[in-house]
Protein backbone atom coordinates (compact mmCIF):
# COMPACT_ATOMS: atom_id res chain seq x y z
CA MET A 1 -0.01 0.07 -0.04
CA PRO A 2 2.60 2.79 0.94
CA ASN A 3 4.33 1.89 -2.62
CA LYS A 4 1.33 2.08 -4.48
CA PHE A 5 0.49 5.79 -2.62
CA LYS A 6 3.79 6.90 -3.56
CA GLN A 7 3.43 5.89 -7.13
CA LEU A 8 -0.03 7.71 -7.11
CA THR A 9 1.53 10.89 -5.59
CA LYS A 10 4.41 10.82 -8.09
CA LYS A 11 1.98 10.39 -10.92
CA TYR A 12 -0.26 13.23 -9.33
CA ASN A 13 2.86 15.60 -9.19
CA LEU A 14 3.81 14.85 -12.74
CA LEU A 15 0.32 15.63 -13.92
CA LYS A 16 0.27 18.88 -11.92
CA LYS A 17 3.62 20.03 -13.48
CA GLY A 18 1.86 19.71 -16.98
CA TRP A 19 -0.98 21.93 -16.03
CA THR A 20 -0.53 25.63 -16.66
CA PRO A 21 -0.54 27.89 -13.32
CA GLN A 22 -4.20 29.04 -14.13
CA GLN A 23 -5.11 25.22 -14.35
CA ASN A 24 -3.35 24.52 -11.00
CA LEU A 25 -5.34 27.13 -9.28
CA PHE A 26 -8.44 25.92 -10.84
CA TYR A 27 -8.17 22.37 -9.61
CA GLY A 28 -6.71 23.56 -6.41
CA PHE A 29 -9.51 25.53 -5.31
CA PHE A 30 -11.86 22.73 -6.75
CA THR A 31 -9.95 20.29 -4.58
CA TYR A 32 -10.63 22.35 -1.44
CA ILE A 33 -14.41 22.86 -2.25
CA LEU A 34 -14.60 18.93 -2.93
CA LEU A 35 -13.10 18.12 0.49
CA GLY A 36 -15.31 20.56 2.16
CA PHE A 37 -18.35 19.41 0.64
CA ILE A 38 -17.47 15.65 1.50
CA LEU A 39 -16.74 16.74 5.39
CA LEU A 40 -20.05 18.94 5.36
CA CYS A 41 -22.01 15.90 4.12
CA LEU A 42 -20.73 13.50 7.09
CA PRO A 43 -23.10 13.26 10.01
CA ILE A 44 -20.37 14.29 12.24
CA SER A 45 -20.69 17.91 10.95
CA GLN A 46 -24.36 18.08 11.15
CA LYS A 47 -27.10 18.72 13.65
CA GLY A 48 -29.90 19.89 11.49
CA GLU A 49 -31.13 18.65 8.04
CA ALA A 50 -29.77 19.67 4.89
CA THR A 51 -29.57 18.82 1.05
CA ILE A 52 -26.49 17.74 -0.94
CA LEU A 53 -26.98 21.02 -2.90
CA ASP A 54 -26.80 22.99 0.45
CA HIS A 55 -23.85 21.44 1.40
CA LEU A 56 -22.04 22.03 -1.91
CA PHE A 57 -23.25 25.73 -1.72
CA ILE A 58 -21.72 26.16 1.68
CA SER A 59 -18.50 24.40 0.68
CA THR A 60 -18.14 26.77 -2.21
CA SER A 61 -19.44 29.79 -0.63
CA ALA A 62 -16.69 29.20 2.03
CA VAL A 63 -13.67 28.82 -0.10
CA SER A 64 -14.68 31.57 -2.28
CA THR A 65 -15.05 33.67 0.87
CA THR A 66 -18.46 34.99 -0.37
CA GLY A 67 -20.82 34.24 2.53
CA LEU A 68 -24.15 33.51 0.69
CA ALA A 69 -26.02 30.55 2.38
CA THR A 70 -29.18 28.70 1.50
CA ILE A 71 -29.33 27.40 5.14
CA SER A 72 -28.47 28.51 8.53
CA ILE A 73 -24.91 27.75 9.38
CA PHE A 74 -25.64 27.63 13.23
CA ASP A 75 -28.99 25.62 13.18
CA THR A 76 -27.33 23.03 10.32
CA TYR A 77 -23.79 22.37 11.41
CA ASN A 78 -22.27 21.41 15.14
CA VAL A 79 -19.14 22.60 16.29
CA PHE A 80 -17.09 20.34 14.06
CA GLY A 81 -19.10 21.51 10.70
CA GLN A 82 -18.51 25.02 11.80
CA PHE A 83 -14.91 24.42 12.31
CA VAL A 84 -14.86 22.85 8.83
CA ILE A 85 -16.21 26.06 7.16
CA MET A 86 -13.88 28.19 9.10
CA VAL A 87 -10.90 26.32 7.94
CA LEU A 88 -12.39 26.42 4.31
CA ILE A 89 -12.66 30.08 4.83
CA GLN A 90 -8.97 30.64 5.83
CA LEU A 91 -7.96 28.60 2.83
CA GLY A 92 -9.80 30.49 0.58
CA GLY A 93 -8.73 33.89 2.24
CA ILE A 94 -5.02 33.44 2.01
CA GLY A 95 -5.06 31.63 -1.12
CA TYR A 96 -4.10 28.40 -2.79
CA LEU A 97 -0.43 27.19 -2.03
CA THR A 98 0.25 30.45 0.17
CA PHE A 99 0.43 28.39 3.59
CA THR A 100 2.44 25.49 2.17
CA THR A 101 4.81 27.48 0.51
CA PHE A 102 5.26 29.49 3.56
CA MET A 103 6.06 26.48 5.59
CA LEU A 104 8.59 25.40 2.83
CA LEU A 105 10.18 28.53 3.23
CA SER A 106 10.32 28.32 6.95
CA THR A 107 12.05 24.70 6.84
CA THR A 108 14.31 24.64 3.74
CA ARG A 109 14.17 28.22 2.75
CA LYS A 110 13.94 27.22 -1.14
CA MET A 111 10.87 27.80 -3.38
CA THR A 112 10.59 25.81 -6.51
CA LEU A 113 9.95 27.04 -9.90
CA TRP A 114 6.41 25.64 -9.72
CA HIS A 115 5.53 27.39 -6.51
CA LYS A 116 6.77 30.70 -7.96
CA LYS A 117 4.72 30.50 -11.18
CA ILE A 118 1.52 29.55 -9.52
CA LEU A 119 1.65 32.28 -6.70
CA SER A 120 2.77 34.88 -9.28
CA THR A 121 -0.18 33.89 -11.27
CA GLU A 122 -2.67 34.24 -8.18
CA PHE A 123 -1.00 37.21 -6.92
CA THR A 124 -0.31 39.78 -9.31
CA LEU A 125 2.90 41.78 -7.72
CA PRO A 126 4.59 45.13 -8.44
CA LYS A 127 8.13 44.66 -9.26
CA THR A 128 9.33 46.60 -5.96
CA ILE A 129 7.97 43.58 -3.98
CA LYS A 130 9.57 40.03 -3.77
CA ILE A 131 7.30 37.04 -3.54
CA LYS A 132 9.24 35.81 -0.54
CA ASP A 133 8.71 39.00 1.34
CA PHE A 134 5.18 38.97 0.13
CA LEU A 135 4.44 35.64 1.75
CA LYS A 136 5.65 36.32 5.04
CA SER A 137 3.71 39.27 5.28
CA VAL A 138 0.58 37.31 4.03
CA ILE A 139 0.99 34.92 6.98
CA LEU A 140 2.20 36.88 9.60
CA PHE A 141 -0.28 39.76 8.97
CA THR A 142 -3.25 37.32 8.69
CA LEU A 143 -2.35 35.59 12.13
CA ILE A 144 -1.70 38.88 13.92
CA MET A 145 -4.96 40.53 12.59
CA GLU A 146 -7.13 37.52 13.39
CA PHE A 147 -5.73 37.23 16.66
CA ILE A 148 -6.39 40.98 17.52
CA GLY A 149 -9.96 40.51 15.89
CA ALA A 150 -10.79 37.40 18.07
CA VAL A 151 -9.66 39.31 21.27
CA LEU A 152 -12.03 42.52 20.36
CA PHE A 153 -15.10 39.99 19.30
CA PHE A 154 -14.55 38.13 22.60
CA ILE A 155 -14.50 41.37 24.73
CA ALA A 156 -17.71 42.56 22.79
CA PHE A 157 -19.59 39.18 23.10
CA ASN A 158 -18.65 38.49 26.67
CA SER A 159 -19.78 42.01 27.74
CA LYS A 160 -23.20 41.18 26.14
CA GLY A 161 -23.55 38.27 28.51
CA MET A 162 -22.44 35.26 26.06
CA PRO A 163 -20.96 32.43 28.09
CA ILE A 164 -17.23 32.42 27.95
CA LEU A 165 -16.71 29.26 25.79
CA GLU A 166 -19.46 30.25 23.27
CA ALA A 167 -18.07 33.78 22.98
CA LEU A 168 -14.59 32.40 22.57
CA TRP A 169 -15.74 30.05 19.52
CA SER A 170 -17.86 32.92 18.10
CA SER A 171 -15.09 35.39 18.53
CA ILE A 172 -12.26 33.12 16.63
CA PHE A 173 -14.98 32.31 13.85
CA HIS A 174 -16.11 35.83 13.33
CA SER A 175 -12.68 37.05 13.19
CA ILE A 176 -11.39 34.70 10.46
CA SER A 177 -14.70 35.11 8.58
CA THR A 178 -14.19 39.02 8.80
CA PHE A 179 -10.69 39.30 7.76
CA CYS A 180 -11.16 36.98 4.99
CA THR A 181 -14.15 39.04 4.09
CA ALA A 182 -16.25 35.78 3.97
CA GLY A 183 -19.32 37.21 5.58
CA PHE A 184 -20.39 33.85 7.37
CA SER A 185 -21.83 34.42 10.59
CA LEU A 186 -23.05 32.24 13.77
CA PHE A 187 -25.93 34.44 14.14
CA ASN A 188 -29.01 33.86 12.11
CA ASN A 189 -29.89 37.60 11.81
CA GLY A 190 -26.14 38.37 10.84
CA PHE A 191 -25.10 41.54 12.74
CA THR A 192 -28.47 43.51 12.45
CA ASP A 193 -28.73 43.45 16.41
CA TYR A 194 -25.48 45.32 16.54
CA VAL A 195 -26.17 48.44 14.30
CA ASP A 196 -25.69 50.75 17.04
CA ASN A 197 -22.94 49.03 18.78
CA HIS A 198 -19.84 51.22 17.70
CA PHE A 199 -17.30 48.55 19.30
CA ILE A 200 -18.36 45.71 17.15
CA ASN A 201 -18.90 47.90 14.01
CA PHE A 202 -15.37 49.27 14.22
CA THR A 203 -13.92 45.72 14.90
CA ILE A 204 -15.55 44.24 11.69
CA SER A 205 -14.61 47.55 9.71
CA MET A 206 -10.97 47.32 10.84
CA LEU A 207 -10.44 43.64 10.05
CA ALA A 208 -12.43 44.05 6.66
CA ILE A 209 -10.51 47.06 5.46
CA CYS A 210 -7.19 45.45 6.28
CA GLY A 211 -8.00 42.38 4.67
CA SER A 212 -9.55 44.01 1.59
CA LEU A 213 -7.01 46.52 0.98
CA GLY A 214 -4.71 43.92 0.07
CA PHE A 215 -1.43 42.22 1.05
CA ILE A 216 0.37 44.32 -1.70
CA VAL A 217 -0.38 47.33 0.30
CA ILE A 218 0.55 45.86 3.56
CA THR A 219 3.89 44.67 2.33
CA ASP A 220 4.50 47.75 0.77
CA PHE A 221 3.83 49.83 3.96
CA GLY A 222 5.70 47.14 6.13
CA LEU A 223 8.98 47.51 3.82
CA LEU A 224 8.55 51.49 4.27
CA ILE A 225 8.42 51.05 8.12
CA LYS A 226 11.65 48.69 7.75
CA ASP A 227 13.30 51.08 5.39
CA LYS A 228 12.82 54.52 5.30
CA THR A 229 14.24 54.85 1.86
CA HIS A 230 11.77 52.47 0.45
CA LYS A 231 9.16 54.05 -1.86
CA LEU A 232 5.56 53.11 -2.11
CA SER A 233 4.81 51.47 -5.38
CA PHE A 234 2.29 53.23 -7.74
CA THR A 235 -0.08 50.19 -7.36
CA THR A 236 -0.43 50.92 -3.36
CA LYS A 237 -0.96 54.47 -3.99
CA ILE A 238 -3.75 53.87 -6.63
CA ILE A 239 -5.31 51.37 -4.28
CA PHE A 240 -5.11 53.35 -1.10
CA TYR A 241 -6.59 56.74 -2.84
CA GLY A 242 -9.05 54.85 -4.76
CA PHE A 243 -10.60 52.97 -1.82
CA LEU A 244 -10.74 56.29 0.35
CA ILE A 245 -12.68 57.94 -2.57
CA LEU A 246 -15.28 55.24 -3.21
CA LEU A 247 -15.67 54.66 0.59
CA THR A 248 -16.32 58.28 1.08
CA PHE A 249 -18.76 58.63 -1.62
CA GLY A 250 -20.57 55.68 -1.11
CA THR A 251 -20.92 56.73 2.57
CA LEU A 252 -22.51 60.11 1.52
CA PHE A 253 -24.99 58.36 -1.07
CA PHE A 254 -26.10 56.03 1.71
CA TYR A 255 -26.53 58.85 4.22
CA PHE A 256 -28.44 61.25 2.24
CA PHE A 257 -30.33 59.14 -0.29
CA GLU A 258 -31.26 55.94 1.32
CA PRO A 259 -34.79 56.01 2.96
CA SER A 260 -34.35 53.07 5.43
CA ILE A 261 -31.02 54.80 6.62
CA ILE A 262 -32.27 58.28 6.70
CA GLU A 263 -35.09 57.15 9.31
CA LEU A 264 -32.19 56.24 11.64
CA PRO A 265 -30.97 58.76 14.60
CA ALA A 266 -28.24 60.90 13.25
CA GLU A 267 -25.45 58.89 14.91
CA SER A 268 -26.82 55.41 13.93
CA ARG A 269 -27.39 56.81 10.47
CA PHE A 270 -23.81 57.88 9.78
CA LEU A 271 -22.46 54.57 11.18
CA ALA A 272 -24.86 52.32 9.09
CA SER A 273 -24.05 54.46 5.86
CA PHE A 274 -20.32 53.74 6.37
CA PHE A 275 -20.88 50.15 7.31
CA GLN A 276 -22.84 49.31 4.26
CA THR A 277 -20.53 51.18 1.83
CA MET A 278 -17.67 49.28 3.50
CA THR A 279 -19.42 45.98 3.44
CA ALA A 280 -19.88 46.13 -0.33
CA MET A 281 -16.37 47.52 -1.13
CA THR A 282 -14.50 44.83 1.03
CA THR A 283 -16.74 42.21 0.09
CA VAL A 284 -16.97 41.37 3.75
CA GLY A 285 -20.82 40.40 3.48
CA PHE A 286 -21.94 41.26 6.91
CA ASN A 287 -24.70 44.01 7.05
CA THR A 288 -26.40 45.76 9.90
CA VAL A 289 -29.51 46.94 7.91
CA ASP A 290 -31.81 44.82 5.72
CA PHE A 291 -30.61 45.28 1.97
CA GLY A 292 -34.02 43.87 0.82
CA ALA A 293 -35.67 47.20 2.12
CA PHE A 294 -33.19 49.52 0.24
CA SER A 295 -34.34 51.68 -2.52
CA GLN A 296 -33.64 50.69 -6.16
CA ALA A 297 -31.21 53.58 -6.48
CA MET A 298 -29.32 52.79 -3.47
CA MET A 299 -29.38 49.02 -4.85
CA LEU A 300 -27.70 50.09 -7.89
CA ILE A 301 -24.91 52.00 -5.98
CA CYS A 302 -24.22 49.09 -3.93
CA ILE A 303 -24.06 46.72 -7.04
CA PHE A 304 -21.64 49.26 -8.26
CA LEU A 305 -19.33 49.02 -5.17
CA MET A 306 -19.77 45.18 -5.27
CA TYR A 307 -18.54 45.21 -8.98
CA ILE A 308 -15.51 47.07 -8.18
CA GLY A 309 -14.41 45.55 -5.10
CA ALA A 310 -11.17 46.64 -3.45
CA SER A 311 -7.67 45.53 -4.07
CA PRO A 312 -5.83 43.06 -5.99
CA SER A 313 -3.91 40.11 -4.03
CA GLY A 314 -6.28 40.78 -1.08
CA THR A 315 -9.38 38.94 0.25
CA ALA A 316 -11.59 40.96 -1.44
CA GLY A 317 -13.71 40.28 -5.01
CA GLY A 318 -14.71 42.46 -7.61
CA ILE A 319 -12.88 43.69 -10.74
CA LYS A 320 -10.51 45.56 -8.31
CA ILE A 321 -9.70 49.50 -8.05
CA THR A 322 -6.56 48.84 -10.26
CA THR A 323 -8.61 47.72 -13.23
CA LEU A 324 -11.25 50.52 -12.73
CA THR A 325 -8.17 53.00 -12.90
CA ALA A 326 -6.84 51.60 -16.11
CA VAL A 327 -10.38 51.66 -17.95
CA PHE A 328 -10.73 55.21 -16.55
CA ALA A 329 -7.35 56.13 -17.82
CA ILE A 330 -7.94 54.54 -21.46
CA LEU A 331 -11.46 56.61 -21.37
CA LYS A 332 -9.64 59.86 -20.51
CA SER A 333 -6.71 59.51 -22.93
CA GLN A 334 -9.19 58.80 -25.76
CA LEU A 335 -11.33 61.82 -24.97
CA LYS A 336 -8.34 64.05 -24.90
CA GLY A 337 -6.87 62.52 -28.01
CA SER A 338 -3.54 61.64 -26.13
CA LYS A 339 -1.13 59.28 -27.77
CA HIS A 340 -0.09 57.53 -24.20
CA ILE A 341 -2.60 56.23 -21.80
CA THR A 342 -1.64 57.93 -18.35
CA PHE A 343 -2.90 58.09 -14.84
CA LEU A 344 -1.63 60.65 -12.21
CA GLY A 345 1.06 61.58 -14.75
CA ARG A 346 2.54 58.18 -15.02
CA VAL A 347 2.22 56.08 -18.39
CA ILE A 348 0.78 52.63 -17.93
CA PRO A 349 2.06 49.82 -19.69
CA TYR A 350 -0.10 48.25 -22.48
CA GLU A 351 0.29 44.85 -21.29
CA ARG A 352 -1.59 45.88 -18.13
CA LEU A 353 -4.04 47.95 -20.26
CA TYR A 354 -4.73 44.72 -22.08
CA THR A 355 -5.37 42.64 -18.94
CA ALA A 356 -7.50 45.42 -17.27
CA MET A 357 -9.84 45.65 -20.38
CA SER A 358 -10.17 41.79 -20.79
CA ALA A 359 -11.09 41.59 -17.18
CA PHE A 360 -13.53 44.34 -17.43
CA ILE A 361 -15.33 43.07 -20.48
CA PHE A 362 -15.27 39.28 -19.34
CA TYR A 363 -16.39 40.28 -15.80
CA THR A 364 -19.38 42.18 -17.17
CA ILE A 365 -20.50 39.47 -19.77
CA ILE A 366 -20.38 36.76 -16.76
CA ILE A 367 -22.85 39.12 -14.73
CA LEU A 368 -24.96 39.83 -17.57
CA LEU A 369 -25.19 35.84 -18.48
CA GLY A 370 -25.46 34.96 -14.86
CA THR A 371 -28.39 37.37 -14.40
CA PHE A 372 -30.12 36.19 -17.53
CA LEU A 373 -29.83 32.54 -16.73
CA ILE A 374 -31.46 33.10 -13.18
CA THR A 375 -34.05 35.69 -14.46
CA ILE A 376 -35.36 33.25 -17.17
CA THR A 377 -35.81 30.14 -14.70
CA ASN A 378 -37.04 31.82 -11.37
CA ASP A 379 -39.93 34.39 -11.02
CA LEU A 380 -38.29 37.10 -8.60
CA LYS A 381 -37.66 40.55 -8.94
CA PHE A 382 -34.84 41.43 -11.77
CA GLU A 383 -32.93 43.77 -9.31
CA ASN A 384 -32.84 41.20 -6.55
CA ILE A 385 -31.49 38.60 -9.13
CA LEU A 386 -28.91 41.37 -10.28
CA PHE A 387 -27.86 42.07 -6.81
CA GLU A 388 -27.52 38.42 -6.06
CA VAL A 389 -25.40 37.82 -9.07
CA ALA A 390 -23.15 40.79 -8.19
CA SER A 391 -22.68 39.60 -4.67
CA ALA A 392 -22.00 36.09 -5.94
CA LEU A 393 -19.30 36.92 -8.48
CA GLY A 394 -17.80 39.76 -6.33
CA THR A 395 -17.66 37.06 -3.35
CA VAL A 396 -19.51 39.78 -1.28
CA GLY A 397 -22.21 37.65 0.54
CA ILE A 398 -24.84 40.43 1.16
CA SER A 399 -28.22 39.54 -0.18
CA THR A 400 -31.88 40.74 -0.24
CA GLY A 401 -32.92 37.54 1.12
CA ILE A 402 -33.69 35.52 -2.05
CA THR A 403 -30.70 33.10 -1.86
CA ALA A 404 -32.87 30.30 -0.41
CA GLU A 405 -35.82 31.12 -2.87
CA ILE A 406 -33.70 30.51 -6.04
CA ASN A 407 -34.40 27.08 -7.64
CA THR A 408 -31.85 24.34 -7.97
CA PHE A 409 -30.76 25.49 -11.37
CA GLY A 410 -30.34 29.02 -10.21
CA GLN A 411 -28.54 27.80 -7.14
CA ILE A 412 -26.07 25.98 -9.30
CA VAL A 413 -25.46 28.90 -11.27
CA ILE A 414 -24.61 30.70 -7.94
CA ILE A 415 -22.11 28.15 -7.05
CA PHE A 416 -20.23 28.63 -10.42
CA LEU A 417 -20.35 32.25 -10.02
CA MET A 418 -18.70 32.22 -6.47
CA PHE A 419 -16.22 29.75 -7.93
CA ILE A 420 -15.26 32.06 -10.63
CA GLY A 421 -15.30 35.24 -8.69
CA ARG A 422 -12.67 33.39 -6.23
CA LEU A 423 -10.44 32.20 -9.06
CA GLY A 424 -10.89 35.64 -10.82
CA VAL A 425 -12.39 35.94 -14.30
CA LEU A 426 -9.16 35.94 -16.24
CA THR A 427 -7.76 32.90 -14.35
CA PHE A 428 -11.18 30.95 -15.00
CA GLY A 429 -11.08 31.74 -18.64
CA LEU A 430 -7.22 30.98 -19.05
CA ALA A 431 -7.74 27.59 -17.12
CA LEU A 432 -10.36 26.49 -19.53
CA TRP A 433 -8.93 27.80 -22.82
CA SER A 434 -5.24 28.48 -22.47
CA ARG A 435 -2.96 26.41 -24.89
CA ASN A 436 0.29 26.21 -26.44
CA LEU A 437 1.05 29.16 -28.76
CA LYS A 438 4.38 28.19 -30.03
CA ASN A 439 2.92 26.94 -33.19
CA ASP A 440 0.30 29.69 -33.76
CA LYS A 441 0.64 31.38 -37.21
CA GLU A 442 0.81 35.21 -37.32
CA PRO A 443 -2.66 36.36 -38.00
CA ALA A 444 -3.74 38.40 -41.02
CA LEU A 445 -3.90 42.45 -40.58
CA VAL A 446 -7.20 43.69 -41.15
CA ASP A 447 -7.09 47.28 -42.00
CA ASP A 448 -10.35 47.81 -43.48
CA ILE A 449 -12.28 47.79 -39.95
CA ALA A 450 -14.28 50.72 -38.80
CA VAL A 451 -14.37 51.38 -34.95
């Protein structure tokens, strides 16, 4: 038996090396989902009834750090089942191979070319940041922030009269879920009972923003603290300023134009406006007010924020602020008739522009296709379906309350959308359609097309 196992392992490793980095990521995250699904199906994980599709939905939602759920996590799964979900969230949050590569570096201090290729595909880094420094920052910062979050959550839950052991478990679970922007909660009402609790709101916001700003920003600022001569990358500046601008505008829109928030007392009104904007942008998925009660105008703003997301190489989903910046730069340069495409006085390389436009177009197509498939098979409000699709593909997890009402086909569509959202639309596309381009012939030039 040991020899057969070694032979199978050797064959599997050879097979993996034959895959493209995108295919490795595809099958890697698929393996996480499959293992999680099997464990959640076992009786030792359950304390309530659920269908096979429910278990698959929850496993996919956890690995993709989305947070959409067709069933109650607390009522369906016991502590072991909840632990499985928490581990899936952690693995999905820090990324495929991140932890194993970190352990490899900690023991042998060597990283194989195979590891480098996959990690470079999953995390697009500026040239100023080395992959080794980045990995150390990812693991250490994750552990530190989740520990701090667990302590703060414990203080808040215990002060509300929650028993110590329950408060301890809830704190650890919610800290990991929040930092990884997963949005899974052990409370059936989420955090709607804490809309006025400044401490809880602060803890969630701090963890979610730190996770969603991305490990690029954290690594960059860490290097700046170590070495005062280190200069922040252009990517970090774009992410940081873009996040602040979108967060500010989103908060103002909700504060002045959302009827269900305007009705709240002045102090709670600002807190609710900020929190709902933050939860959509960071894709953390927690909410303190009912999104189902939002006006159509504010639902559109929320969909836009979910569509954008936050930072690449972070725990958030969406097309990313950097992609939005590149698309905006193309539009600005075209309207000005400029030969170069620039942003903040810097020329953006064409390969980055091609990547950004491809992601922008493909992401939009997937949202439209997902919305069409669910709309044509479900008798639900169009705006609620669009909201659900944007939330699934953006790995956000907030919902207007229709997740459990969507039929089987629609839930399968949502599962696919969550998986694609975690991989990234371009990674998903390349995993399916990438091929060897060595023997490709030079295509014929078309010079008689009008644009």
